[in-house]
Amino acid sequence: MSLDRPQPQLDYSALGELDVVDIAPAHHGSSEVMYPGGPEVDGGLLAPGDPLPENAGPNGRRPEWLKVRVGAGQTYANLHRLMRAEELHTVCEEARCPNIGECWTLGTATFMVLGSVCTRNCGFCAIQTGRPPVTDPDEPRRVAQAVSRMALKHVVVTMVARDDLPDGGAGLVAETIRQIRVTNPQTSIEVLISDLNGREGDIRTVVQAQPEILNHNVETVPRLQRAVRRRARWDRSVSVLATGRRIATEIGFDGMVTKTGLMLGLGETWDEILEAMELLRAAHIEVLTIGQYLRPSRQHLPLRRYYTPAEFMALRRIGLQIGFRHVQSGPLVRSSYHAAEQVPEPAIAAAV
């Protein structure tokens, strides 16, 4: 198998991940969620002295394949009202996901528990950082109620990092899984957790609640961990998933899937991407998502390079060749994108 860098292709028609959802005729440029400064100059996010990202157009303009539109329509509006009425948070909004229009129009969302304020300050992330408010013990019930009202067959629950809590928030995540199970027994569940500072007891708390998918993102290649994630480490992140897999086996929950994600464009090399994929597979991680880093603001890490759709397609092919059971790879792919496709077969059958 050759792992040489592929030559860029110009035909993107075969990549379903790149379909633009045309649901907002009033908006004709790039997403106002992801590019608040407008589409003309790198979404308005280039700071004086910033180098133009590789592959950028004139004046730093983003490639055409990254243009998406803001959500609109009745389903989107109903979901927005539901989130506000239940005082719930979604990572779709807090992280300024470029797929919010598509996913919300389809009636899917990723719930974010433990509030909307993170105790960490990663250089890539748009989520607010600082001192979180008091944890709301009723939040799991409200999430379960929202899942019922949306009639979801698959739900993704993520969390902010809560280093201020003795268990890092593991107990509330587990309770959210249990509450969803009670009111929505046919719904499969994915949890996207923080590293919980690597504490096995807290990882066990989450796994014992038996989510179908245990997800924790390494985000970038080993060399860039300190610059990108600051308080996280590659070895600890990989160990979260390895430990979760071991605990699942111990409790007879062999069907649980482990999952992680990478974002590209922060200065990594092609060889470093391939090495990271090999290391993740060697740790028996089963599902991998790969997407393009897009700078949330001028205060965040600069974008070094745009990867082409052809390169993402090549990485998907390589990932499947080295043994991942599922690889979601594309410029707009985020961790929860098309998450229902990654649920193990028995869980899919049970949810039908």
Protein backbone atom coordinates (compact mmCIF):
# COMPACT_ATOMS: atom_id res chain seq x y z
CA MET A 1 0.00 0.00 0.00
CA SER A 2 1.41 3.35 -1.01
CA LEU A 3 0.99 6.20 1.48
CA ASP A 4 2.46 8.86 -0.81
CA ARG A 5 0.76 12.22 -0.85
CA PRO A 6 -2.04 12.10 -3.45
CA GLN A 7 -2.26 14.51 -6.33
CA PRO A 8 -5.21 16.90 -5.84
CA GLN A 9 -8.31 16.06 -7.85
CA LEU A 10 -10.87 18.52 -9.14
CA ASP A 11 -13.97 16.34 -9.14
CA TYR A 12 -15.70 16.55 -5.74
CA SER A 13 -19.09 15.24 -6.85
CA ALA A 14 -18.67 11.82 -5.24
CA LEU A 15 -18.16 13.19 -1.72
CA GLY A 16 -21.47 13.20 0.10
CA GLU A 17 -19.91 15.06 3.02
CA LEU A 18 -19.57 18.13 0.81
CA ASP A 19 -23.21 18.55 -0.18
CA VAL A 20 -24.33 22.10 0.52
CA VAL A 21 -27.75 22.27 2.12
CA ASP A 22 -29.56 25.08 0.33
CA ILE A 23 -32.10 26.00 2.99
CA ALA A 24 -31.49 29.67 3.55
CA PRO A 25 -32.12 31.74 0.41
CA ALA A 26 -31.55 34.95 2.38
CA HIS A 27 -27.88 34.03 2.91
CA HIS A 28 -25.65 33.90 -0.13
CA GLY A 29 -22.17 33.76 1.36
CA SER A 30 -20.31 31.49 3.72
CA SER A 31 -21.98 30.50 6.96
CA GLU A 32 -22.55 33.42 9.29
CA VAL A 33 -22.09 30.96 12.13
CA MET A 34 -18.61 29.89 11.12
CA TYR A 35 -17.42 33.00 9.31
CA PRO A 36 -18.80 35.98 11.24
CA GLY A 37 -16.65 38.48 9.37
CA GLY A 38 -17.97 37.49 5.96
CA PRO A 39 -16.48 35.30 3.25
CA GLU A 40 -14.25 37.76 1.44
CA VAL A 41 -11.08 37.69 3.54
CA ASP A 42 -10.82 34.36 5.34
CA GLY A 43 -14.11 35.00 7.07
CA GLY A 44 -12.69 38.22 8.49
CA LEU A 45 -10.39 36.20 10.76
CA LEU A 46 -6.97 37.04 9.34
CA ALA A 47 -4.98 39.21 11.71
CA PRO A 48 -2.26 41.66 10.61
CA GLY A 49 0.89 39.72 9.86
CA ASP A 50 -0.85 36.34 9.56
CA PRO A 51 0.46 34.30 6.63
CA LEU A 52 -2.16 33.44 4.05
CA PRO A 53 -3.18 29.79 4.45
CA GLU A 54 -1.83 27.48 1.79
CA ASN A 55 -4.43 26.90 -0.97
CA ALA A 56 -6.26 30.12 -0.07
CA GLY A 57 -7.68 32.27 -2.83
CA PRO A 58 -7.01 35.97 -3.44
CA ASN A 59 -6.80 37.97 -0.20
CA GLY A 60 -7.05 34.74 1.80
CA ARG A 61 -10.50 33.81 0.52
CA ARG A 62 -11.65 30.35 1.55
CA PRO A 63 -11.94 27.59 -1.06
CA GLU A 64 -15.38 27.16 -2.58
CA TRP A 65 -15.80 23.70 -1.04
CA LEU A 66 -15.95 25.25 2.45
CA LYS A 67 -18.93 27.49 1.80
CA VAL A 68 -22.07 26.45 3.67
CA ARG A 69 -25.26 28.23 4.57
CA VAL A 70 -26.99 29.10 7.80
CA GLY A 71 -29.94 26.97 8.81
CA ALA A 72 -33.50 28.06 8.26
CA GLY A 73 -36.90 26.46 7.87
CA GLN A 74 -39.48 25.12 10.30
CA THR A 75 -37.51 22.10 11.60
CA TYR A 76 -34.49 24.27 12.36
CA ALA A 77 -36.67 26.86 14.10
CA ASN A 78 -38.52 24.24 16.15
CA LEU A 79 -35.28 22.68 17.33
CA HIS A 80 -33.88 26.08 18.27
CA ARG A 81 -37.01 26.82 20.34
CA LEU A 82 -36.83 23.42 22.03
CA MET A 83 -33.21 23.97 23.10
CA ARG A 84 -34.01 27.39 24.53
CA ALA A 85 -37.21 26.23 26.25
CA GLU A 86 -35.37 23.40 28.02
CA GLU A 87 -32.33 25.62 28.73
CA LEU A 88 -30.11 23.12 26.95
CA HIS A 89 -26.82 23.70 25.17
CA THR A 90 -25.60 22.18 21.92
CA VAL A 91 -22.04 21.89 20.72
CA CYS A 92 -23.49 22.76 17.31
CA GLU A 93 -23.98 26.34 18.49
CA GLU A 94 -21.23 26.72 21.08
CA ALA A 95 -18.47 25.40 18.80
CA ARG A 96 -19.88 27.21 15.72
CA CYS A 97 -20.15 23.99 13.73
CA PRO A 98 -20.38 24.57 9.97
CA ASN A 99 -22.90 21.71 9.63
CA ILE A 100 -25.51 23.22 11.94
CA GLY A 101 -27.81 24.07 9.01
CA GLU A 102 -27.77 20.54 7.61
CA CYS A 103 -28.01 18.67 10.91
CA TRP A 104 -30.66 20.86 12.52
CA THR A 105 -32.79 20.79 9.38
CA LEU A 106 -32.66 17.00 9.58
CA GLY A 107 -33.75 17.21 13.23
CA THR A 108 -30.47 16.05 14.79
CA ALA A 109 -28.23 17.80 17.29
CA THR A 110 -25.42 17.11 19.74
CA PHE A 111 -26.35 17.97 23.32
CA MET A 112 -23.65 19.52 25.49
CA VAL A 113 -24.05 18.89 29.21
CA LEU A 114 -22.43 20.44 32.29
CA GLY A 115 -23.08 23.95 31.04
CA SER A 116 -21.48 25.97 28.26
CA VAL A 117 -18.31 27.16 30.05
CA CYS A 118 -15.16 25.05 29.81
CA THR A 119 -12.36 25.06 32.38
CA ARG A 120 -9.74 24.66 29.64
CA ASN A 121 -8.59 27.15 27.05
CA CYS A 122 -7.57 25.19 23.97
CA GLY A 123 -6.13 27.19 21.12
CA PHE A 124 -8.59 25.91 18.50
CA CYS A 125 -11.92 25.87 20.34
CA ALA A 126 -14.73 28.43 20.19
CA ILE A 127 -16.44 27.29 23.40
CA GLN A 128 -16.36 29.87 26.21
CA THR A 129 -13.74 29.31 28.91
CA GLY A 130 -13.70 30.42 32.53
CA ARG A 131 -15.29 29.49 35.85
CA PRO A 132 -18.37 27.32 35.13
CA PRO A 133 -21.68 27.89 36.92
CA VAL A 134 -23.09 25.45 39.46
CA THR A 135 -23.88 22.07 37.89
CA ASP A 136 -27.59 21.52 37.23
CA PRO A 137 -28.64 18.05 38.47
CA ASP A 138 -31.87 18.25 36.44
CA GLU A 139 -30.02 18.58 33.13
CA PRO A 140 -29.99 14.81 32.36
CA ARG A 141 -33.79 14.64 32.64
CA ARG A 142 -34.24 17.62 30.33
CA VAL A 143 -31.89 16.13 27.74
CA ALA A 144 -33.83 12.86 27.84
CA GLN A 145 -37.08 14.78 27.45
CA ALA A 146 -35.70 16.63 24.42
CA VAL A 147 -34.56 13.33 22.87
CA SER A 148 -38.13 12.05 23.27
CA ARG A 149 -39.65 15.14 21.71
CA MET A 150 -37.25 14.89 18.76
CA ALA A 151 -37.93 11.13 18.43
CA LEU A 152 -34.23 10.45 17.93
CA LYS A 153 -32.99 6.97 17.05
CA HIS A 154 -29.42 8.04 17.85
CA VAL A 155 -28.22 10.81 20.14
CA VAL A 156 -24.80 12.33 20.80
CA VAL A 157 -24.04 13.80 24.22
CA THR A 158 -20.86 15.79 24.68
CA MET A 159 -19.49 17.81 27.57
CA VAL A 160 -17.26 20.73 28.42
CA ALA A 161 -14.14 19.91 30.42
CA ARG A 162 -14.95 20.35 34.12
CA ASP A 163 -11.65 20.16 35.97
CA ASP A 164 -13.36 21.98 38.84
CA LEU A 165 -15.46 18.90 39.70
CA PRO A 166 -14.05 15.97 41.69
CA ASP A 167 -15.18 13.48 39.02
CA GLY A 168 -14.71 15.81 36.06
CA GLY A 169 -18.43 15.57 35.30
CA ALA A 170 -18.41 11.80 34.70
CA GLY A 171 -21.35 11.21 37.06
CA LEU A 172 -23.65 13.63 35.27
CA VAL A 173 -22.71 12.20 31.86
CA ALA A 174 -23.52 8.70 33.14
CA GLU A 175 -26.81 9.92 34.60
CA THR A 176 -27.70 11.49 31.25
CA ILE A 177 -27.15 8.11 29.57
CA ARG A 178 -29.37 6.42 32.16
CA GLN A 179 -32.15 9.00 31.83
CA ILE A 180 -32.16 8.63 28.05
CA ARG A 181 -32.34 4.84 28.45
CA VAL A 182 -35.41 5.13 30.71
CA THR A 183 -37.45 7.39 28.43
CA ASN A 184 -35.99 6.33 25.07
CA PRO A 185 -35.04 2.63 25.30
CA GLN A 186 -34.70 2.26 21.53
CA THR A 187 -32.29 5.21 21.15
CA SER A 188 -28.59 4.46 20.71
CA ILE A 189 -26.20 6.78 22.54
CA GLU A 190 -22.78 8.23 21.81
CA VAL A 191 -20.87 10.22 24.42
CA LEU A 192 -18.01 12.55 23.55
CA ILE A 193 -16.14 13.04 26.82
CA SER A 194 -13.17 15.04 28.07
CA ASP A 195 -10.05 13.17 29.10
CA LEU A 196 -11.27 13.25 32.75
CA ASN A 197 -7.59 13.74 33.57
CA GLY A 198 -7.08 10.07 32.82
CA ARG A 199 -8.76 8.86 36.02
CA GLU A 200 -9.81 5.25 35.55
CA GLY A 201 -12.58 5.46 38.14
CA ASP A 202 -14.28 8.30 36.28
CA ILE A 203 -13.88 6.57 32.90
CA ARG A 204 -15.46 3.51 34.51
CA THR A 205 -18.41 5.60 35.70
CA VAL A 206 -19.18 6.57 32.11
CA VAL A 207 -18.58 3.14 30.57
CA GLN A 208 -20.72 1.34 33.15
CA ALA A 209 -23.69 3.39 31.89
CA GLN A 210 -23.08 1.55 28.59
CA PRO A 211 -23.07 4.07 25.74
CA GLU A 212 -22.93 2.43 22.33
CA ILE A 213 -20.04 4.72 21.33
CA LEU A 214 -17.33 6.13 23.60
CA ASN A 215 -15.70 9.10 21.88
CA HIS A 216 -12.76 11.25 22.92
CA ASN A 217 -10.87 13.38 20.41
CA VAL A 218 -7.09 13.56 20.17
CA GLU A 219 -7.67 16.61 17.88
CA THR A 220 -4.19 16.81 16.33
CA VAL A 221 -0.95 14.91 15.76
CA PRO A 222 1.37 14.13 18.71
CA ARG A 223 3.89 16.90 17.91
CA LEU A 224 1.25 19.66 18.09
CA GLN A 225 -0.57 18.53 21.23
CA ARG A 226 0.93 21.11 23.61
CA ALA A 227 0.37 24.06 21.27
CA VAL A 228 -3.18 23.06 20.33
CA ARG A 229 -4.63 21.49 23.47
CA ARG A 230 -2.38 22.90 26.21
CA ARG A 231 -3.69 20.91 29.20
CA ALA A 232 -4.14 17.63 27.34
CA ARG A 233 -1.69 14.97 26.19
CA TRP A 234 -1.70 12.47 23.34
CA ASP A 235 -0.84 9.48 25.54
CA ARG A 236 -3.52 10.33 28.10
CA SER A 237 -6.18 10.81 25.43
CA VAL A 238 -5.41 7.49 23.78
CA SER A 239 -5.41 5.80 27.18
CA VAL A 240 -8.93 7.11 27.88
CA LEU A 241 -10.23 5.04 24.97
CA ALA A 242 -8.00 2.05 25.66
CA THR A 243 -9.09 2.04 29.30
CA GLY A 244 -12.72 2.42 28.28
CA ARG A 245 -12.41 -0.56 25.95
CA ARG A 246 -10.86 -2.69 28.72
CA ILE A 247 -13.57 -1.75 31.20
CA ALA A 248 -16.31 -2.48 28.67
CA THR A 249 -14.86 -5.96 28.16
CA GLU A 250 -14.65 -6.52 31.92
CA ILE A 251 -18.34 -5.74 32.39
CA GLY A 252 -19.44 -7.81 29.39
CA PHE A 253 -20.23 -4.83 27.17
CA ASP A 254 -18.08 -5.90 24.23
CA GLY A 255 -20.25 -4.11 21.68
CA MET A 256 -19.13 -0.63 22.72
CA VAL A 257 -17.31 1.23 19.93
CA THR A 258 -14.35 3.54 20.57
CA LYS A 259 -13.98 6.67 18.45
CA THR A 260 -11.68 9.68 18.06
CA GLY A 261 -11.14 12.63 15.74
CA LEU A 262 -8.43 14.70 14.07
CA MET A 263 -8.58 18.19 12.59
CA LEU A 264 -6.16 19.26 9.89
CA GLY A 265 -4.61 22.57 8.95
CA LEU A 266 -2.67 23.49 12.09
CA GLY A 267 0.78 22.86 10.65
CA GLU A 268 1.02 19.07 10.67
CA THR A 269 2.70 17.22 7.82
CA TRP A 270 1.15 14.49 5.70
CA ASP A 271 3.51 11.92 7.19
CA GLU A 272 2.49 13.01 10.70
CA ILE A 273 -1.17 12.48 9.83
CA LEU A 274 -0.46 8.96 8.62
CA GLU A 275 1.66 8.22 11.68
CA ALA A 276 -1.14 9.45 13.98
CA MET A 277 -3.65 7.24 12.19
CA GLU A 278 -1.38 4.23 12.58
CA LEU A 279 -0.91 4.94 16.30
CA LEU A 280 -4.66 5.26 16.84
CA ARG A 281 -5.36 2.03 15.05
CA ALA A 282 -2.61 0.29 17.03
CA ALA A 283 -4.57 1.30 20.14
CA HIS A 284 -7.59 -0.57 18.67
CA ILE A 285 -9.68 2.57 18.18
CA GLU A 286 -12.42 1.67 15.72
CA VAL A 287 -13.93 4.88 14.32
CA LEU A 288 -12.06 7.97 13.11
CA THR A 289 -13.31 11.37 11.99
CA ILE A 290 -11.07 13.79 10.07
CA GLY A 291 -12.01 17.38 9.29
CA GLN A 292 -10.60 20.79 8.40
CA TYR A 293 -9.66 23.21 11.18
CA LEU A 294 -11.40 26.57 10.70
CA ARG A 295 -10.27 29.44 12.88
CA PRO A 296 -13.14 30.63 15.15
CA SER A 297 -11.64 34.08 15.81
CA ARG A 298 -8.42 36.08 15.56
CA GLN A 299 -7.62 35.03 19.13
CA HIS A 300 -7.41 31.36 18.10
CA LEU A 301 -4.58 29.46 16.46
CA PRO A 302 -3.93 30.55 12.87
CA LEU A 303 -4.92 28.28 10.02
CA ARG A 304 -1.86 27.05 8.13
CA ARG A 305 -3.35 25.06 5.28
CA TYR A 306 -6.55 24.03 3.57
CA TYR A 307 -6.77 20.36 2.63
CA THR A 308 -8.60 19.47 -0.58
CA PRO A 309 -11.56 17.12 -0.78
CA ALA A 310 -9.35 14.69 -2.69
CA GLU A 311 -6.87 14.58 0.19
CA PHE A 312 -9.67 13.88 2.66
CA MET A 313 -10.91 11.12 0.39
CA ALA A 314 -7.41 9.63 0.29
CA LEU A 315 -7.21 9.68 4.10
CA ARG A 316 -10.53 7.89 4.34
CA ARG A 317 -9.29 5.19 1.98
CA ILE A 318 -6.02 4.82 3.91
CA GLY A 319 -7.88 4.66 7.23
CA LEU A 320 -10.09 1.83 6.02
CA GLN A 321 -7.06 0.01 4.61
CA ILE A 322 -5.25 0.05 7.96
CA GLY A 323 -8.26 -1.34 9.78
CA PHE A 324 -10.65 1.34 11.06
CA ARG A 325 -14.20 0.05 10.84
CA HIS A 326 -15.50 3.50 9.85
CA VAL A 327 -13.76 6.69 8.70
CA GLN A 328 -15.68 9.94 8.18
CA SER A 329 -13.29 12.29 6.37
CA GLY A 330 -14.08 15.59 4.66
CA PRO A 331 -13.49 19.34 4.93
CA LEU A 332 -16.68 19.98 6.90
CA VAL A 333 -16.65 16.78 8.94
CA ARG A 334 -16.90 17.26 12.70
CA SER A 335 -16.91 14.63 15.41
CA SER A 336 -20.67 14.13 15.49
CA TYR A 337 -21.29 14.43 11.75
CA HIS A 338 -23.36 11.46 10.46
CA ALA A 339 -22.77 9.84 13.83
CA ALA A 340 -25.68 7.42 13.44
CA GLU A 341 -23.77 5.68 10.65
CA GLN A 342 -21.13 4.62 13.18
CA VAL A 343 -23.40 2.79 15.61
CA PRO A 344 -22.65 -0.96 15.89
CA GLU A 345 -25.00 -3.18 13.91
CA PRO A 346 -26.83 -4.78 16.90
CA ALA A 347 -27.74 -1.33 18.22
CA ILE A 348 -29.02 -0.26 14.80
CA ALA A 349 -31.22 -3.33 14.62
CA ALA A 350 -32.59 -2.66 18.09
CA ALA A 351 -33.42 0.94 17.21
CA VAL A 352 -35.44 0.10 14.09
